[in-house]
Amino acid sequence: MTAYKNCTLNELDYTVVKGGKTTISVNGKNIVLTFEDIPAKKPKYMDIKIFSVPKHVMASIIINAYLKNDTDNLDINKKVKEKLANCINTAARNRFGLI
């Protein structure tokens, strides 16, 4: 049985434009995730690229994150963290067969 506790917003060390990181634990092994904001294909948007160590766990997942002009919006950081947490939890479940 695979043990995984869902990643929550409070566990994410992430700030819009600056990126961040967090650590998740699967079966007692720590996996470090790093978030990097990158320009999206559509010029008005920014994506977030997720890197993991070890690399094979989440190989460069990219999520559509926010509008470039939205960075002054007070709620944007929370909304992006919600997207990140959902993405991380879904990817971890898929990767380790928890779904």
PDB file of N, CA and C in Angstrom:
ATOM      1  N   MET A   1       0.841  -1.189   0.000  1.00  0.00           N
ATOM      2  CA  MET A   1       0.000   0.000   0.000  1.00  0.00           C
ATOM      3  C   MET A   1       0.883   1.248   0.000  1.00  0.00           C
ATOM      4  N   THR A   2       0.585   2.161  -0.865  1.00  0.00           N
ATOM      5  CA  THR A   2       1.353   3.404  -0.963  1.00  0.00           C
ATOM      6  C   THR A   2       0.792   4.430   0.008  1.00  0.00           C
ATOM      7  N   ALA A   3       1.688   5.048   0.777  1.00  0.00           N
ATOM      8  CA  ALA A   3       1.275   6.073   1.741  1.00  0.00           C
ATOM      9  C   ALA A   3       1.604   7.455   1.183  1.00  0.00           C
ATOM     10  N   TYR A   4       0.569   8.293   1.084  1.00  0.00           N
ATOM     11  CA  TYR A   4       0.755   9.665   0.606  1.00  0.00           C
ATOM     12  C   TYR A   4      -0.273  10.563   1.251  1.00  0.00           C
ATOM     13  N   LYS A   5       0.178  11.670   1.848  1.00  0.00           N
ATOM     14  CA  LYS A   5      -0.721  12.666   2.438  1.00  0.00           C
ATOM     15  C   LYS A   5      -0.823  13.827   1.461  1.00  0.00           C
ATOM     16  N   ASN A   6      -2.030  14.236   1.147  1.00  0.00           N
ATOM     17  CA  ASN A   6      -2.223  15.332   0.188  1.00  0.00           C
ATOM     18  C   ASN A   6      -1.430  16.578   0.569  1.00  0.00           C
ATOM     19  N   CYS A   7      -0.862  17.210  -0.433  1.00  0.00           N
ATOM     20  CA  CYS A   7      -0.159  18.477  -0.274  1.00  0.00           C
ATOM     21  C   CYS A   7      -1.212  19.568  -0.070  1.00  0.00           C
ATOM     22  N   THR A   8      -0.991  20.463   0.899  1.00  0.00           N
ATOM     23  CA  THR A   8      -1.946  21.537   1.166  1.00  0.00           C
ATOM     24  C   THR A   8      -1.328  22.890   0.815  1.00  0.00           C
ATOM     25  N   LEU A   9      -2.173  23.915   0.747  1.00  0.00           N
ATOM     26  CA  LEU A   9      -1.697  25.265   0.413  1.00  0.00           C
ATOM     27  C   LEU A   9      -0.637  25.749   1.400  1.00  0.00           C
ATOM     28  N   ASN A  10      -0.815  25.435   2.680  1.00  0.00           N
ATOM     29  CA  ASN A  10       0.133  25.902   3.696  1.00  0.00           C
ATOM     30  C   ASN A  10       1.517  25.283   3.547  1.00  0.00           C
ATOM     31  N   GLU A  11       1.591  24.119   2.920  1.00  0.00           N
ATOM     32  CA  GLU A  11       2.879  23.444   2.739  1.00  0.00           C
ATOM     33  C   GLU A  11       3.650  23.963   1.531  1.00  0.00           C
ATOM     34  N   LEU A  12       2.987  24.721   0.669  1.00  0.00           N
ATOM     35  CA  LEU A  12       3.634  25.219  -0.544  1.00  0.00           C
ATOM     36  C   LEU A  12       4.364  26.525  -0.271  1.00  0.00           C
ATOM     37  N   ASP A  13       5.653  26.526  -0.475  1.00  0.00           N
ATOM     38  CA  ASP A  13       6.441  27.755  -0.380  1.00  0.00           C
ATOM     39  C   ASP A  13       6.527  28.309  -1.799  1.00  0.00           C
ATOM     40  N   TYR A  14       5.500  29.054  -2.177  1.00  0.00           N
ATOM     41  CA  TYR A  14       5.419  29.578  -3.549  1.00  0.00           C
ATOM     42  C   TYR A  14       4.923  31.011  -3.519  1.00  0.00           C
ATOM     43  N   THR A  15       5.531  31.861  -4.349  1.00  0.00           N
ATOM     44  CA  THR A  15       5.082  33.237  -4.541  1.00  0.00           C
ATOM     45  C   THR A  15       5.044  33.507  -6.035  1.00  0.00           C
ATOM     46  N   VAL A  16       3.949  34.115  -6.500  1.00  0.00           N
ATOM     47  CA  VAL A  16       3.792  34.437  -7.911  1.00  0.00           C
ATOM     48  C   VAL A  16       5.009  35.228  -8.389  1.00  0.00           C
ATOM     49  N   VAL A  17       5.515  34.901  -9.531  1.00  0.00           N
ATOM     50  CA  VAL A  17       6.664  35.473 -10.229  1.00  0.00           C
ATOM     51  C   VAL A  17       7.989  34.967  -9.653  1.00  0.00           C
ATOM     52  N   LYS A  18       8.069  34.726  -8.351  1.00  0.00           N
ATOM     53  CA  LYS A  18       9.322  34.306  -7.721  1.00  0.00           C
ATOM     54  C   LYS A  18       9.521  32.794  -7.723  1.00  0.00           C
ATOM     55  N   GLY A  19       8.435  32.021  -7.863  1.00  0.00           N
ATOM     56  CA  GLY A  19       8.551  30.570  -7.816  1.00  0.00           C
ATOM     57  C   GLY A  19       8.585  30.081  -6.383  1.00  0.00           C
ATOM     58  N   GLY A  20       9.169  28.908  -6.163  1.00  0.00           N
ATOM     59  CA  GLY A  20       9.257  28.363  -4.826  1.00  0.00           C
ATOM     60  C   GLY A  20       9.515  26.876  -4.845  1.00  0.00           C
ATOM     61  N   LYS A  21       9.256  26.225  -3.688  1.00  0.00           N
ATOM     62  CA  LYS A  21       9.457  24.784  -3.613  1.00  0.00           C
ATOM     63  C   LYS A  21       8.678  24.206  -2.445  1.00  0.00           C
ATOM     64  N   THR A  22       8.598  22.887  -2.421  1.00  0.00           N
ATOM     65  CA  THR A  22       7.980  22.156  -1.318  1.00  0.00           C
ATOM     66  C   THR A  22       8.533  20.750  -1.331  1.00  0.00           C
ATOM     67  N   THR A  23       8.275  20.029  -0.270  1.00  0.00           N
ATOM     68  CA  THR A  23       8.682  18.626  -0.184  1.00  0.00           C
ATOM     69  C   THR A  23       7.443  17.799   0.121  1.00  0.00           C
ATOM     70  N   ILE A  24       7.251  16.724  -0.655  1.00  0.00           N
ATOM     71  CA  ILE A  24       6.167  15.789  -0.380  1.00  0.00           C
ATOM     72  C   ILE A  24       6.801  14.471   0.039  1.00  0.00           C
ATOM     73  N   SER A  25       6.017  13.635   0.693  1.00  0.00           N
ATOM     74  CA  SER A  25       6.520  12.348   1.150  1.00  0.00           C
ATOM     75  C   SER A  25       5.636  11.240   0.600  1.00  0.00           C
ATOM     76  N   VAL A  26       6.250  10.270  -0.064  1.00  0.00           N
ATOM     77  CA  VAL A  26       5.541   9.107  -0.577  1.00  0.00           C
ATOM     78  C   VAL A  26       6.270   7.879  -0.056  1.00  0.00           C
ATOM     79  N   ASN A  27       5.548   7.039   0.651  1.00  0.00           N
ATOM     80  CA  ASN A  27       6.142   5.842   1.263  1.00  0.00           C
ATOM     81  C   ASN A  27       7.353   6.175   2.125  1.00  0.00           C
ATOM     82  N   GLY A  28       7.299   7.294   2.813  1.00  0.00           N
ATOM     83  CA  GLY A  28       8.393   7.681   3.696  1.00  0.00           C
ATOM     84  C   GLY A  28       9.592   8.288   2.998  1.00  0.00           C
ATOM     85  N   LYS A  29       9.557   8.389   1.668  1.00  0.00           N
ATOM     86  CA  LYS A  29      10.659   9.007   0.914  1.00  0.00           C
ATOM     87  C   LYS A  29      10.285  10.431   0.547  1.00  0.00           C
ATOM     88  N   ASN A  30      11.193  11.348   0.811  1.00  0.00           N
ATOM     89  CA  ASN A  30      10.932  12.748   0.493  1.00  0.00           C
ATOM     90  C   ASN A  30      11.232  13.045  -0.968  1.00  0.00           C
ATOM     91  N   ILE A  31      10.348  13.815  -1.585  1.00  0.00           N
ATOM     92  CA  ILE A  31      10.502  14.251  -2.964  1.00  0.00           C
ATOM     93  C   ILE A  31      10.445  15.767  -2.957  1.00  0.00           C
ATOM     94  N   VAL A  32      11.511  16.398  -3.419  1.00  0.00           N
ATOM     95  CA  VAL A  32      11.581  17.855  -3.439  1.00  0.00           C
ATOM     96  C   VAL A  32      11.030  18.356  -4.769  1.00  0.00           C
ATOM     97  N   LEU A  33      10.058  19.258  -4.698  1.00  0.00           N
ATOM     98  CA  LEU A  33       9.465  19.855  -5.891  1.00  0.00           C
ATOM     99  C   LEU A  33       9.849  21.326  -5.945  1.00  0.00           C
ATOM    100  N   THR A  34      10.297  21.771  -7.111  1.00  0.00           N
ATOM    101  CA  THR A  34      10.665  23.165  -7.324  1.00  0.00           C
ATOM    102  C   THR A  34       9.747  23.738  -8.386  1.00  0.00           C
ATOM    103  N   PHE A  35       9.280  24.979  -8.149  1.00  0.00           N
ATOM    104  CA  PHE A  35       8.354  25.637  -9.068  1.00  0.00           C
ATOM    105  C   PHE A  35       9.037  26.835  -9.699  1.00  0.00           C
ATOM    106  N   GLU A  36       8.938  26.909 -11.030  1.00  0.00           N
ATOM    107  CA  GLU A  36       9.549  28.021 -11.762  1.00  0.00           C
ATOM    108  C   GLU A  36       8.509  28.636 -12.685  1.00  0.00           C
ATOM    109  N   ASP A  37       8.283  29.938 -12.553  1.00  0.00           N
ATOM    110  CA  ASP A  37       7.343  30.634 -13.431  1.00  0.00           C
ATOM    111  C   ASP A  37       8.017  30.871 -14.775  1.00  0.00           C
ATOM    112  N   ILE A  38       7.336  30.479 -15.848  1.00  0.00           N
ATOM    113  CA  ILE A  38       7.882  30.641 -17.196  1.00  0.00           C
ATOM    114  C   ILE A  38       6.816  31.250 -18.105  1.00  0.00           C
ATOM    115  N   PRO A  39       7.218  31.976 -19.153  1.00  0.00           N
ATOM    116  CA  PRO A  39       6.227  32.532 -20.088  1.00  0.00           C
ATOM    117  C   PRO A  39       5.472  31.405 -20.804  1.00  0.00           C
ATOM    118  N   ALA A  40       4.189  31.600 -20.966  1.00  0.00           N
ATOM    119  CA  ALA A  40       3.355  30.620 -21.667  1.00  0.00           C
ATOM    120  C   ALA A  40       3.438  30.858 -23.169  1.00  0.00           C
ATOM    121  N   LYS A  41       2.870  29.936 -23.944  1.00  0.00           N
ATOM    122  CA  LYS A  41       2.832  30.105 -25.396  1.00  0.00           C
ATOM    123  C   LYS A  41       1.993  31.310 -25.780  1.00  0.00           C
ATOM    124  N   LYS A  42       0.936  31.554 -24.998  1.00  0.00           N
ATOM    125  CA  LYS A  42       0.110  32.740 -25.226  1.00  0.00           C
ATOM    126  C   LYS A  42       0.751  33.895 -24.465  1.00  0.00           C
ATOM    127  N   PRO A  43       1.065  34.998 -25.117  1.00  0.00           N
ATOM    128  CA  PRO A  43       1.847  36.080 -24.513  1.00  0.00           C
ATOM    129  C   PRO A  43       1.279  36.707 -23.240  1.00  0.00           C
ATOM    130  N   LYS A  44      -0.029  36.621 -23.030  1.00  0.00           N
ATOM    131  CA  LYS A  44      -0.629  37.260 -21.860  1.00  0.00           C
ATOM    132  C   LYS A  44      -0.541  36.401 -20.597  1.00  0.00           C
ATOM    133  N   TYR A  45      -0.075  35.167 -20.722  1.00  0.00           N
ATOM    134  CA  TYR A  45      -0.136  34.215 -19.613  1.00  0.00           C
ATOM    135  C   TYR A  45       1.246  33.782 -19.127  1.00  0.00           C
ATOM    136  N   MET A  46       1.248  33.269 -17.897  1.00  0.00           N
ATOM    137  CA  MET A  46       2.447  32.654 -17.326  1.00  0.00           C
ATOM    138  C   MET A  46       2.090  31.222 -16.940  1.00  0.00           C
ATOM    139  N   ASP A  47       3.032  30.317 -17.106  1.00  0.00           N
ATOM    140  CA  ASP A  47       2.889  28.934 -16.689  1.00  0.00           C
ATOM    141  C   ASP A  47       3.810  28.693 -15.506  1.00  0.00           C
ATOM    142  N   ILE A  48       3.603  27.585 -14.849  1.00  0.00           N
ATOM    143  CA  ILE A  48       4.525  27.165 -13.802  1.00  0.00           C
ATOM    144  C   ILE A  48       5.036  25.785 -14.184  1.00  0.00           C
ATOM    145  N   LYS A  49       6.328  25.640 -14.163  1.00  0.00           N
ATOM    146  CA  LYS A  49       6.960  24.365 -14.458  1.00  0.00           C
ATOM    147  C   LYS A  49       7.367  23.735 -13.132  1.00  0.00           C
ATOM    148  N   ILE A  50       7.014  22.470 -12.946  1.00  0.00           N
ATOM    149  CA  ILE A  50       7.332  21.752 -11.716  1.00  0.00           C
ATOM    150  C   ILE A  50       8.445  20.745 -12.008  1.00  0.00           C
ATOM    151  N   PHE A  51       9.523  20.858 -11.257  1.00  0.00           N
ATOM    152  CA  PHE A  51      10.639  19.917 -11.363  1.00  0.00           C
ATOM    153  C   PHE A  51      10.671  19.086 -10.080  1.00  0.00           C
ATOM    154  N   SER A  52      11.100  17.834 -10.180  1.00  0.00           N
ATOM    155  CA  SER A  52      11.186  17.013  -8.977  1.00  0.00           C
ATOM    156  C   SER A  52      12.566  16.385  -8.840  1.00  0.00           C
ATOM    157  N   VAL A  53      12.955  16.148  -7.589  1.00  0.00           N
ATOM    158  CA  VAL A  53      14.169  15.396  -7.268  1.00  0.00           C
ATOM    159  C   VAL A  53      13.722  14.303  -6.308  1.00  0.00           C
ATOM    160  N   PRO A  54      13.775  13.030  -6.716  1.00  0.00           N
ATOM    161  CA  PRO A  54      14.321  12.495  -7.953  1.00  0.00           C
ATOM    162  C   PRO A  54      13.463  12.859  -9.173  1.00  0.00           C
ATOM    163  N   LYS A  55      14.153  12.958 -10.297  1.00  0.00           N
ATOM    164  CA  LYS A  55      13.573  13.481 -11.532  1.00  0.00           C
ATOM    165  C   LYS A  55      12.413  12.649 -12.079  1.00  0.00           C
ATOM    166  N   HIS A  56      12.475  11.341 -11.925  1.00  0.00           N
ATOM    167  CA  HIS A  56      11.474  10.466 -12.544  1.00  0.00           C
ATOM    168  C   HIS A  56      10.086  10.589 -11.922  1.00  0.00           C
ATOM    169  N   VAL A  57       9.942  11.219 -10.762  1.00  0.00           N
ATOM    170  CA  VAL A  57       8.649  11.286 -10.095  1.00  0.00           C
ATOM    171  C   VAL A  57       7.683  12.210 -10.834  1.00  0.00           C
ATOM    172  N   MET A  58       8.100  13.437 -11.090  1.00  0.00           N
ATOM    173  CA  MET A  58       7.272  14.392 -11.822  1.00  0.00           C
ATOM    174  C   MET A  58       8.174  15.100 -12.815  1.00  0.00           C
ATOM    175  N   ALA A  59       8.329  14.532 -13.964  1.00  0.00           N
ATOM    176  CA  ALA A  59       9.261  15.066 -14.952  1.00  0.00           C
ATOM    177  C   ALA A  59       8.704  16.308 -15.627  1.00  0.00           C
ATOM    178  N   SER A  60       9.063  17.454 -15.135  1.00  0.00           N
ATOM    179  CA  SER A  60       8.746  18.754 -15.738  1.00  0.00           C
ATOM    180  C   SER A  60       7.283  18.934 -16.102  1.00  0.00           C
ATOM    181  N   ILE A  61       6.432  18.873 -15.142  1.00  0.00           N
ATOM    182  CA  ILE A  61       5.014  19.139 -15.369  1.00  0.00           C
ATOM    183  C   ILE A  61       4.828  20.645 -15.530  1.00  0.00           C
ATOM    184  N   ILE A  62       4.008  21.042 -16.497  1.00  0.00           N
ATOM    185  CA  ILE A  62       3.722  22.465 -16.697  1.00  0.00           C
ATOM    186  C   ILE A  62       2.230  22.686 -16.505  1.00  0.00           C
ATOM    187  N   ILE A  63       1.884  23.707 -15.698  1.00  0.00           N
ATOM    188  CA  ILE A  63       0.471  24.048 -15.544  1.00  0.00           C
ATOM    189  C   ILE A  63       0.245  25.497 -15.958  1.00  0.00           C
ATOM    190  N   ASN A  64      -0.929  25.753 -16.547  1.00  0.00           N
ATOM    191  CA  ASN A  64      -1.316  27.127 -16.883  1.00  0.00           C
ATOM    192  C   ASN A  64      -1.654  27.813 -15.574  1.00  0.00           C
ATOM    193  N   ALA A  65      -0.976  28.910 -15.280  1.00  0.00           N
ATOM    194  CA  ALA A  65      -1.093  29.457 -13.941  1.00  0.00           C
ATOM    195  C   ALA A  65      -1.885  30.755 -13.822  1.00  0.00           C
ATOM    196  N   TYR A  66      -1.463  31.801 -14.532  1.00  0.00           N
ATOM    197  CA  TYR A  66      -2.097  33.101 -14.313  1.00  0.00           C
ATOM    198  C   TYR A  66      -1.820  34.054 -15.459  1.00  0.00           C
ATOM    199  N   LEU A  67      -2.616  35.131 -15.505  1.00  0.00           N
ATOM    200  CA  LEU A  67      -2.394  36.210 -16.467  1.00  0.00           C
ATOM    201  C   LEU A  67      -1.226  37.064 -15.983  1.00  0.00           C
ATOM    202  N   LYS A  68      -0.361  37.489 -16.886  1.00  0.00           N
ATOM    203  CA  LYS A  68       0.783  38.325 -16.503  1.00  0.00           C
ATOM    204  C   LYS A  68       0.350  39.587 -15.775  1.00  0.00           C
ATOM    205  N   ASN A  69      -0.752  40.187 -16.202  1.00  0.00           N
ATOM    206  CA  ASN A  69      -1.221  41.438 -15.600  1.00  0.00           C
ATOM    207  C   ASN A  69      -1.909  41.228 -14.253  1.00  0.00           C
ATOM    208  N   ASP A  70      -2.095  39.997 -13.843  1.00  0.00           N
ATOM    209  CA  ASP A  70      -2.817  39.683 -12.610  1.00  0.00           C
ATOM    210  C   ASP A  70      -1.925  39.626 -11.373  1.00  0.00           C
ATOM    211  N   THR A  71      -0.647  39.874 -11.509  1.00  0.00           N
ATOM    212  CA  THR A  71       0.272  39.675 -10.388  1.00  0.00           C
ATOM    213  C   THR A  71       0.026  40.618  -9.216  1.00  0.00           C
ATOM    214  N   ASP A  72      -0.669  41.726  -9.425  1.00  0.00           N
ATOM    215  CA  ASP A  72      -0.985  42.642  -8.330  1.00  0.00           C
ATOM    216  C   ASP A  72      -2.257  42.239  -7.579  1.00  0.00           C
ATOM    217  N   ASN A  73      -2.988  41.305  -8.126  1.00  0.00           N
ATOM    218  CA  ASN A  73      -4.218  40.812  -7.519  1.00  0.00           C
ATOM    219  C   ASN A  73      -3.873  40.036  -6.239  1.00  0.00           C
ATOM    220  N   LEU A  74      -4.490  40.411  -5.113  1.00  0.00           N
ATOM    221  CA  LEU A  74      -4.172  39.785  -3.828  1.00  0.00           C
ATOM    222  C   LEU A  74      -4.542  38.306  -3.771  1.00  0.00           C
ATOM    223  N   ASP A  75      -5.566  37.905  -4.485  1.00  0.00           N
ATOM    224  CA  ASP A  75      -6.009  36.508  -4.456  1.00  0.00           C
ATOM    225  C   ASP A  75      -5.216  35.606  -5.398  1.00  0.00           C
ATOM    226  N   ILE A  76      -4.426  36.172  -6.282  1.00  0.00           N
ATOM    227  CA  ILE A  76      -3.772  35.362  -7.318  1.00  0.00           C
ATOM    228  C   ILE A  76      -2.826  34.323  -6.722  1.00  0.00           C
ATOM    229  N   ASN A  77      -2.079  34.686  -5.685  1.00  0.00           N
ATOM    230  CA  ASN A  77      -1.141  33.740  -5.088  1.00  0.00           C
ATOM    231  C   ASN A  77      -1.890  32.522  -4.530  1.00  0.00           C
ATOM    232  N   LYS A  78      -3.034  32.769  -3.879  1.00  0.00           N
ATOM    233  CA  LYS A  78      -3.830  31.669  -3.328  1.00  0.00           C
ATOM    234  C   LYS A  78      -4.389  30.798  -4.450  1.00  0.00           C
ATOM    235  N   LYS A  79      -4.894  31.423  -5.506  1.00  0.00           N
ATOM    236  CA  LYS A  79      -5.453  30.664  -6.633  1.00  0.00           C
ATOM    237  C   LYS A  79      -4.388  29.793  -7.291  1.00  0.00           C
ATOM    238  N   VAL A  80      -3.192  30.351  -7.468  1.00  0.00           N
ATOM    239  CA  VAL A  80      -2.111  29.581  -8.097  1.00  0.00           C
ATOM    240  C   VAL A  80      -1.691  28.440  -7.172  1.00  0.00           C
ATOM    241  N   LYS A  81      -1.620  28.690  -5.873  1.00  0.00           N
ATOM    242  CA  LYS A  81      -1.267  27.629  -4.922  1.00  0.00           C
ATOM    243  C   LYS A  81      -2.300  26.499  -4.958  1.00  0.00           C
ATOM    244  N   GLU A  82      -3.579  26.850  -5.120  1.00  0.00           N
ATOM    245  CA  GLU A  82      -4.623  25.831  -5.230  1.00  0.00           C
ATOM    246  C   GLU A  82      -4.399  24.969  -6.467  1.00  0.00           C
ATOM    247  N   LYS A  83      -4.069  25.610  -7.589  1.00  0.00           N
ATOM    248  CA  LYS A  83      -3.784  24.863  -8.822  1.00  0.00           C
ATOM    249  C   LYS A  83      -2.572  23.951  -8.625  1.00  0.00           C
ATOM    250  N   LEU A  84      -1.524  24.482  -7.992  1.00  0.00           N
ATOM    251  CA  LEU A  84      -0.317  23.689  -7.750  1.00  0.00           C
ATOM    252  C   LEU A  84      -0.620  22.474  -6.871  1.00  0.00           C
ATOM    253  N   ALA A  85      -1.329  22.700  -5.765  1.00  0.00           N
ATOM    254  CA  ALA A  85      -1.641  21.598  -4.852  1.00  0.00           C
ATOM    255  C   ALA A  85      -2.463  20.523  -5.555  1.00  0.00           C
ATOM    256  N   ASN A  86      -3.477  20.932  -6.328  1.00  0.00           N
ATOM    257  CA  ASN A  86      -4.293  19.960  -7.069  1.00  0.00           C
ATOM    258  C   ASN A  86      -3.452  19.177  -8.067  1.00  0.00           C
ATOM    259  N   CYS A  87      -2.582  19.878  -8.778  1.00  0.00           N
ATOM    260  CA  CYS A  87      -1.721  19.228  -9.762  1.00  0.00           C
ATOM    261  C   CYS A  87      -0.774  18.230  -9.091  1.00  0.00           C
ATOM    262  N   ILE A  88      -0.150  18.656  -8.000  1.00  0.00           N
ATOM    263  CA  ILE A  88       0.794  17.782  -7.284  1.00  0.00           C
ATOM    264  C   ILE A  88       0.073  16.541  -6.759  1.00  0.00           C
ATOM    265  N   ASN A  89      -1.078  16.725  -6.146  1.00  0.00           N
ATOM    266  CA  ASN A  89      -1.809  15.594  -5.579  1.00  0.00           C
ATOM    267  C   ASN A  89      -2.271  14.624  -6.655  1.00  0.00           C
ATOM    268  N   THR A  90      -2.767  15.149  -7.768  1.00  0.00           N
ATOM    269  CA  THR A  90      -3.199  14.287  -8.873  1.00  0.00           C
ATOM    270  C   THR A  90      -2.005  13.545  -9.479  1.00  0.00           C
ATOM    271  N   ALA A  91      -0.901  14.258  -9.704  1.00  0.00           N
ATOM    272  CA  ALA A  91       0.282  13.621 -10.289  1.00  0.00           C
ATOM    273  C   ALA A  91       0.842  12.543  -9.367  1.00  0.00           C
ATOM    274  N   ALA A  92       0.879  12.815  -8.070  1.00  0.00           N
ATOM    275  CA  ALA A  92       1.397  11.817  -7.122  1.00  0.00           C
ATOM    276  C   ALA A  92       0.511  10.573  -7.114  1.00  0.00           C
ATOM    277  N   ARG A  93      -0.811  10.784  -7.122  1.00  0.00           N
ATOM    278  CA  ARG A  93      -1.726   9.634  -7.141  1.00  0.00           C
ATOM    279  C   ARG A  93      -1.539   8.810  -8.420  1.00  0.00           C
ATOM    280  N   ASN A  94      -1.445   9.499  -9.561  1.00  0.00           N
ATOM    281  CA  ASN A  94      -1.268   8.792 -10.840  1.00  0.00           C
ATOM    282  C   ASN A  94       0.061   8.050 -10.872  1.00  0.00           C
ATOM    283  N   ARG A  95       1.112   8.713 -10.463  1.00  0.00           N
ATOM    284  CA  ARG A  95       2.455   8.146 -10.530  1.00  0.00           C
ATOM    285  C   ARG A  95       2.598   6.913  -9.647  1.00  0.00           C
ATOM    286  N   PHE A  96       1.950   6.939  -8.477  1.00  0.00           N
ATOM    287  CA  PHE A  96       2.107   5.837  -7.533  1.00  0.00           C
ATOM    288  C   PHE A  96       0.876   4.938  -7.467  1.00  0.00           C
ATOM    289  N   GLY A  97      -0.002   5.053  -8.453  1.00  0.00           N
ATOM    290  CA  GLY A  97      -1.136   4.152  -8.555  1.00  0.00           C
ATOM    291  C   GLY A  97      -2.163   4.270  -7.449  1.00  0.00           C
ATOM    292  N   LEU A  98      -2.410   5.483  -6.986  1.00  0.00           N
ATOM    293  CA  LEU A  98      -3.352   5.687  -5.897  1.00  0.00           C
ATOM    294  C   LEU A  98      -4.755   6.018  -6.386  1.00  0.00           C
ATOM    295  N   ILE A  99      -4.936   6.103  -7.702  1.00  0.00           N
ATOM    296  CA  ILE A  99      -6.277   6.438  -8.244  1.00  0.00           C
ATOM    297  C   ILE A  99      -6.912   5.155  -8.753  1.00  0.00           C
TER     298      ILE A  99
END
